[in-house]
Protein backbone atom coordinates (compact mmCIF):
# COMPACT_ATOMS: atom_id res chain seq x y z
CA MET A 1 0.00 0.00 0.00
CA ALA A 2 1.11 3.58 -0.57
CA VAL A 3 0.01 7.20 -1.05
CA TYR A 4 0.36 8.60 -4.58
CA THR A 5 -2.92 10.54 -4.79
CA LYS A 6 -3.68 13.08 -2.06
CA ILE A 7 -7.30 13.50 -1.01
CA THR A 8 -9.18 15.25 1.78
CA GLN A 9 -11.96 13.99 3.99
CA GLN A 10 -14.38 16.19 2.07
CA ASP A 11 -13.50 14.44 -1.21
CA ILE A 12 -14.99 11.14 -0.08
CA ASP A 13 -17.33 11.95 2.81
CA TYR A 14 -20.39 11.44 0.58
CA LEU A 15 -19.49 7.74 0.22
CA PHE A 16 -19.74 7.16 3.97
CA GLN A 17 -23.07 8.79 4.82
CA ASP A 18 -24.54 5.41 5.81
CA TYR A 19 -21.89 5.33 8.56
CA ASP A 20 -22.67 8.86 9.83
CA GLY A 21 -19.77 10.32 7.83
CA ILE A 22 -16.01 10.28 8.34
CA GLU A 23 -14.27 10.91 11.63
CA GLN A 24 -10.71 10.72 10.21
CA ILE A 25 -8.73 9.56 7.19
CA LYS A 26 -5.06 8.61 7.28
CA GLY A 27 -2.75 7.73 4.40
CA ILE A 28 -0.97 4.36 4.52
CA ALA A 29 2.63 4.62 3.29
CA GLU A 30 3.49 0.91 3.20
CA GLY A 31 3.56 -0.80 -0.20
CA VAL A 32 4.16 0.54 -3.68
CA GLU A 33 1.17 -0.25 -5.91
CA ASN A 34 -1.94 1.81 -5.10
CA THR A 35 -2.96 4.71 -2.87
CA ASN A 36 -4.57 3.62 0.38
CA TYR A 37 -6.27 5.43 3.25
CA LEU A 38 -7.54 4.12 6.55
CA VAL A 39 -11.00 5.59 7.08
CA ASN A 40 -12.53 5.84 10.55
CA THR A 41 -16.24 6.66 10.48
CA LYS A 42 -18.27 8.48 13.10
CA ASN A 43 -20.15 5.31 14.03
CA GLN A 44 -16.84 3.58 14.93
CA ASN A 45 -16.36 1.52 11.75
CA LYS A 46 -13.06 1.16 9.90
CA PHE A 47 -12.55 0.81 6.16
CA ILE A 48 -9.75 0.89 3.62
CA PHE A 49 -10.24 3.37 0.78
CA THR A 50 -8.11 2.41 -2.24
CA ILE A 51 -7.32 4.58 -5.26
CA PHE A 52 -5.99 2.48 -8.12
CA GLU A 53 -2.89 3.75 -9.82
CA LYS A 54 -1.36 2.82 -13.18
CA ARG A 55 -0.64 -0.91 -12.75
CA THR A 56 -4.15 -1.89 -11.67
CA LYS A 57 -6.63 -1.67 -14.55
CA ARG A 58 -10.19 -0.57 -13.92
CA SER A 59 -11.36 -3.39 -16.18
CA ASP A 60 -9.81 -5.94 -13.79
CA LEU A 61 -11.57 -4.65 -10.67
CA PRO A 62 -14.80 -6.65 -11.12
CA PHE A 63 -12.70 -9.82 -11.29
CA PHE A 64 -10.72 -8.91 -8.17
CA HIS A 65 -13.94 -8.15 -6.31
CA LYS A 66 -15.45 -11.50 -7.31
CA ALA A 67 -12.27 -13.29 -6.22
CA MET A 68 -12.23 -11.57 -2.82
CA SER A 69 -15.90 -12.35 -2.29
CA GLU A 70 -15.40 -15.99 -3.24
CA PHE A 71 -12.47 -16.46 -0.86
CA TYR A 72 -14.36 -14.63 1.91
CA HIS A 73 -17.55 -16.67 1.57
CA LYS A 74 -15.53 -19.90 1.59
CA GLY A 75 -13.83 -19.08 4.87
CA ILE A 76 -10.81 -16.87 4.15
CA ALA A 77 -10.56 -13.71 6.25
CA CYS A 78 -10.01 -11.05 3.59
CA PRO A 79 -11.40 -7.65 2.55
CA THR A 80 -14.63 -7.47 0.62
CA PRO A 81 -15.83 -4.51 -1.46
CA ILE A 82 -18.40 -2.20 0.12
CA LYS A 83 -21.29 -1.09 -2.06
CA VAL A 84 -22.73 2.42 -2.06
CA ASN A 85 -25.95 2.86 -4.04
CA GLU A 86 -25.39 -0.59 -5.61
CA ASN A 87 -21.92 0.35 -6.89
CA ASP A 88 -18.56 -0.92 -5.62
CA ILE A 89 -16.26 0.95 -8.03
CA PHE A 90 -16.11 4.76 -7.90
CA ASN A 91 -14.03 7.60 -9.34
CA ILE A 92 -11.86 10.23 -7.71
CA LYS A 93 -9.48 12.62 -9.45
CA GLU A 94 -10.03 10.70 -12.71
CA LYS A 95 -8.91 7.42 -11.13
CA PRO A 96 -10.94 4.35 -10.12
CA CYS A 97 -11.35 3.73 -6.40
CA ALA A 98 -13.14 1.38 -4.01
CA ILE A 99 -13.97 0.86 -0.34
CA TYR A 100 -13.01 -2.37 1.44
CA SER A 101 -13.81 -3.90 4.80
CA PHE A 102 -11.05 -3.61 7.39
CA ILE A 103 -8.98 -6.65 8.39
CA GLU A 104 -7.69 -6.81 11.96
CA GLY A 105 -4.09 -7.79 12.68
CA SER A 106 -0.65 -6.74 11.55
CA GLN A 107 2.41 -7.96 9.70
CA ILE A 108 4.41 -10.50 11.69
CA GLN A 109 7.67 -9.08 13.03
CA SER A 110 9.56 -12.31 13.75
CA LEU A 111 8.88 -15.84 12.57
CA ASN A 112 8.14 -18.66 14.99
CA ASN A 113 6.93 -22.26 14.84
CA ASP A 114 3.28 -21.52 15.68
CA ALA A 115 3.05 -18.79 13.06
CA MET A 116 4.50 -21.08 10.38
CA VAL A 117 1.98 -23.80 11.19
CA SER A 118 -0.87 -21.29 10.94
CA LEU A 119 0.54 -19.85 7.72
CA ALA A 120 0.80 -23.30 6.12
CA LYS A 121 -2.75 -24.19 7.13
CA ASN A 122 -4.19 -20.97 5.71
CA ILE A 123 -2.22 -21.07 2.45
CA SER A 124 -3.29 -24.66 1.84
CA THR A 125 -6.90 -23.59 2.43
CA ILE A 126 -6.55 -20.77 -0.10
CA HIS A 127 -5.12 -23.24 -2.61
CA HIS A 128 -7.92 -25.76 -2.03
CA ILE A 129 -10.50 -23.01 -2.62
CA GLY A 130 -8.63 -21.68 -5.65
CA ALA A 131 -8.44 -25.13 -7.23
CA GLN A 132 -12.27 -25.33 -7.27
CA SER A 133 -12.86 -21.78 -8.53
CA LYS A 134 -14.38 -21.11 -11.94
CA LEU A 135 -12.92 -17.60 -12.05
CA SER A 136 -10.19 -17.08 -14.63
CA ARG A 137 -7.70 -14.30 -15.37
CA GLU A 138 -4.29 -14.48 -17.06
CA ASN A 139 -1.20 -13.89 -14.92
CA ASP A 140 0.10 -10.80 -16.71
CA MET A 141 2.99 -10.20 -14.28
CA LEU A 142 5.33 -12.77 -15.84
CA LEU A 143 6.39 -12.68 -19.51
CA PRO A 144 4.03 -9.89 -20.65
CA SER A 145 5.18 -7.63 -17.81
CA TRP A 146 8.85 -8.58 -18.21
CA LYS A 147 8.85 -7.64 -21.89
CA TYR A 148 7.03 -4.38 -21.21
CA ILE A 149 9.53 -3.32 -18.54
CA ILE A 150 12.58 -4.36 -20.55
CA ASN A 151 11.34 -2.33 -23.51
CA LYS A 152 10.74 0.66 -21.23
CA PHE A 153 14.39 0.44 -20.07
CA LYS A 154 15.89 0.07 -23.56
CA ASP A 155 18.04 3.21 -23.13
CA TYR A 156 18.65 2.70 -19.41
CA ASP A 157 22.18 3.24 -18.14
CA GLY A 158 21.57 3.92 -14.46
CA GLU A 159 21.90 2.14 -11.13
CA ASN A 160 21.97 -1.69 -11.25
CA ILE A 161 22.49 -1.70 -15.01
CA SER A 162 24.72 -4.80 -14.95
CA GLU A 163 22.12 -6.73 -12.96
CA PHE A 164 19.37 -5.49 -15.26
CA ASN A 165 21.28 -6.70 -18.32
CA TYR A 166 21.89 -10.04 -16.63
CA ILE A 167 18.15 -10.44 -16.05
CA LYS A 168 17.35 -9.39 -19.61
CA ASN A 169 19.66 -12.05 -21.03
CA LEU A 170 18.35 -14.68 -18.63
CA ILE A 171 14.76 -14.04 -19.70
CA SER A 172 15.72 -14.84 -23.29
CA SER A 173 16.82 -18.30 -22.20
CA LEU A 174 13.91 -18.90 -19.80
CA GLU A 175 11.12 -17.88 -22.16
CA SER A 176 10.97 -21.27 -23.87
CA GLN A 177 11.16 -23.16 -20.55
CA PHE A 178 7.83 -22.11 -19.03
CA PRO A 179 5.94 -25.25 -17.93
CA GLN A 180 2.93 -25.74 -20.18
CA ASN A 181 0.72 -28.40 -18.62
CA LEU A 182 0.46 -27.58 -14.92
CA LYS A 183 -3.00 -27.29 -13.35
CA LYS A 184 -4.12 -23.69 -12.92
CA SER A 185 -5.96 -22.42 -9.87
CA LEU A 186 -7.16 -19.08 -8.59
CA ILE A 187 -4.10 -17.81 -6.67
CA HIS A 188 -3.35 -14.75 -4.55
CA GLY A 189 -0.23 -13.83 -6.54
CA ASP A 190 1.43 -11.55 -3.97
CA LEU A 191 1.94 -13.49 -0.73
CA PHE A 192 4.39 -11.11 0.93
CA LYS A 193 4.58 -10.63 4.68
CA ASP A 194 2.79 -7.28 4.50
CA ASN A 195 -0.20 -8.93 2.80
CA ILE A 196 -0.78 -11.54 5.52
CA PHE A 197 -1.89 -10.33 8.94
CA PHE A 198 -1.40 -12.10 12.27
CA LYS A 199 -2.81 -11.88 15.78
CA ASN A 200 -1.16 -13.91 18.54
CA ASP A 201 0.84 -16.00 16.04
CA GLU A 202 -2.30 -16.99 14.12
CA VAL A 203 -3.13 -15.75 10.64
CA SER A 204 -5.95 -13.22 11.02
CA GLY A 205 -6.40 -12.31 7.38
CA PHE A 206 -5.10 -11.71 3.87
CA ILE A 207 -5.11 -8.40 2.00
CA ASP A 208 -4.17 -7.00 -1.43
CA PHE A 209 -5.81 -9.33 -3.93
CA PHE A 210 -4.95 -7.09 -6.90
CA PHE A 211 -2.60 -9.60 -8.51
CA THR A 212 -5.03 -12.50 -8.13
CA CYS A 213 -5.06 -14.59 -11.28
CA SER A 214 -5.22 -18.09 -12.71
CA ASP A 215 -1.87 -19.84 -12.49
CA THR A 216 -0.12 -22.76 -10.88
CA ILE A 217 0.00 -22.84 -7.09
CA VAL A 218 3.73 -23.51 -7.52
CA TYR A 219 4.19 -19.88 -8.58
CA ASP A 220 2.11 -18.68 -5.63
CA LEU A 221 4.30 -20.72 -3.25
CA ALA A 222 7.49 -19.56 -4.97
CA THR A 223 6.54 -15.94 -4.29
CA LEU A 224 5.83 -16.77 -0.65
CA ILE A 225 9.10 -18.70 -0.19
CA ASN A 226 11.19 -15.89 -1.66
CA ALA A 227 9.44 -13.28 0.49
CA TRP A 228 9.31 -15.19 3.78
CA PHE A 229 12.34 -17.46 3.94
CA LEU A 230 15.01 -15.61 1.96
CA ASN A 231 16.63 -12.31 2.88
CA TYR A 232 18.89 -11.54 -0.05
CA GLU A 233 20.88 -14.83 -0.13
CA ASN A 234 20.28 -15.76 3.52
CA PHE A 235 17.98 -18.80 3.63
CA ASN A 236 15.90 -19.64 6.71
CA GLU A 237 15.91 -23.40 6.26
CA ASN A 238 14.30 -24.17 9.62
CA TYR A 239 11.08 -22.22 9.07
CA PHE A 240 10.98 -23.23 5.41
CA GLU A 241 10.88 -26.89 6.46
CA ILE A 242 8.27 -26.30 9.18
CA PHE A 243 6.05 -24.48 6.70
CA PHE A 244 6.31 -27.14 4.00
CA ASP A 245 5.87 -30.06 6.40
CA HIS A 246 2.47 -28.65 7.38
CA TYR A 247 1.51 -27.33 3.94
CA PHE A 248 2.04 -30.75 2.36
CA GLY A 249 0.00 -32.28 5.16
CA SER A 250 -3.10 -31.27 3.21
CA ILE A 251 -1.83 -30.44 -0.29
CA SER A 252 -0.06 -32.75 -2.71
CA TRP A 253 1.94 -31.78 -5.79
CA SER A 254 2.39 -33.82 -8.94
CA ASN A 255 5.90 -34.73 -10.04
CA GLU A 256 5.61 -32.07 -12.75
CA GLU A 257 4.77 -29.43 -10.16
CA LYS A 258 7.70 -30.45 -7.97
CA GLU A 259 10.05 -30.34 -10.96
CA SER A 260 8.90 -26.80 -11.81
CA PHE A 261 9.55 -25.39 -8.32
CA ASN A 262 13.06 -24.09 -8.95
CA PHE A 263 11.94 -22.53 -12.24
CA TYR A 264 9.14 -20.60 -10.53
CA LEU A 265 11.37 -19.53 -7.65
CA LYS A 266 13.60 -17.87 -10.25
CA ALA A 267 10.66 -16.53 -12.25
CA SER A 268 9.13 -14.91 -9.17
CA ALA A 269 12.49 -13.36 -8.24
CA ILE A 270 12.75 -11.90 -11.76
CA ARG A 271 9.20 -10.54 -11.56
CA PHE A 272 9.89 -8.61 -8.36
CA PHE A 273 13.35 -7.43 -9.39
CA LEU A 274 11.86 -5.91 -12.54
CA THR A 275 8.82 -4.29 -10.94
CA ARG A 276 10.96 -2.87 -8.13
CA ILE A 277 13.56 -1.38 -10.48
CA HIS A 278 10.72 -0.05 -12.63
CA ASP A 279 8.94 1.61 -9.71
CA LYS A 280 12.18 3.01 -8.33
CA ASN A 281 12.81 4.78 -11.64
CA PHE A 282 9.31 5.59 -12.92
CA ASN A 283 7.02 5.86 -9.87
CA LYS A 284 8.74 8.65 -7.96
CA ASP A 285 5.65 10.62 -6.96
CA GLY A 286 3.83 10.25 -3.67
CA GLU A 287 4.61 9.10 -0.15
CA VAL A 288 6.07 5.73 -1.15
CA ASN A 289 8.76 3.60 0.45
CA HIS A 290 10.47 2.04 -2.57
CA LYS A 291 12.00 -1.37 -1.94
CA ASP A 292 15.43 -2.56 -3.04
CA PRO A 293 15.40 -4.47 -6.37
CA MET A 294 18.78 -5.97 -5.48
CA GLU A 295 17.12 -8.10 -2.80
CA PHE A 296 15.47 -10.13 -5.53
CA PHE A 297 18.56 -10.23 -7.70
CA ALA A 298 20.35 -11.84 -4.75
CA ILE A 299 17.44 -14.28 -4.33
CA LEU A 300 17.63 -15.18 -8.01
CA ARG A 301 21.36 -15.88 -7.67
CA PHE A 302 20.62 -18.08 -4.64
CA HIS A 303 18.24 -20.21 -6.71
CA GLU A 304 20.78 -20.50 -9.50
CA LYS A 305 23.21 -22.02 -7.00
CA ASN A 306 20.70 -24.04 -4.94
CA ASN A 307 17.73 -26.23 -5.79
CA LEU A 308 15.05 -26.21 -3.10
CA GLN A 309 13.36 -29.10 -4.89
CA ASP A 310 15.94 -31.24 -3.09
CA PHE A 311 13.88 -30.79 0.10
CA PHE A 312 10.96 -32.75 -1.36
């Protein structure tokens, strides 16, 4: 979450009249994708007001809202869109926006055994639900996004240029290696620590479903593994094993899925290296804490030297 677009309480008060109006709004600086405000209403309710910036298309919002509602109604604690006069997508300052229910909890600050067990249980539940879903949307954050960003940087000669060129050359060799016959499910697509809330070492909810798409659960897990158990090239083997022991207690992978794991660990690292270097150079407006693209270059290099499939 982030703040690119500045608004005042008066700009959106009309949307909250059913809650006696707004008591306070506060920008949320975490994250890098969209503008988010915490809204406290006069009747003591809390909501998240999201303004969608360039990467999130208005045309995708109905899909994201259906996905959130499906996960919610099947037992996942996650935001759901709030309707006002039968609408759940609005406009502000020529940008689409929406109101979402508030999820209690916070990002975990230090990993522990109980939290990993809860995380594994909840991720496996999401994947069971996603496997039964009829919703479908292409994952446009892999090859389509990679090619778009690389083309945008065709004259780039700035910071991390050698790493960028390394990634560009690697993509050329990986493009023909994408697994073709893996089962697709409805996945979250962005399982970072700041998108999974905890209370007392138990998962209390999931947020930010704006990369939800149809793809293999192996990619979803690869994103989680890179974000949770790798810090640059430092691998937390202990919590990785605890997580997977409990995840595979209720989920099974085919041999083809297991064999694709290292590929998707690298693919996910490439995806976040490229979007981070893009945002660092092109999304400079707003109250945004840009994250280091080199973290994911280091993670990519780790996976080139190590094969976590060996743990299966």
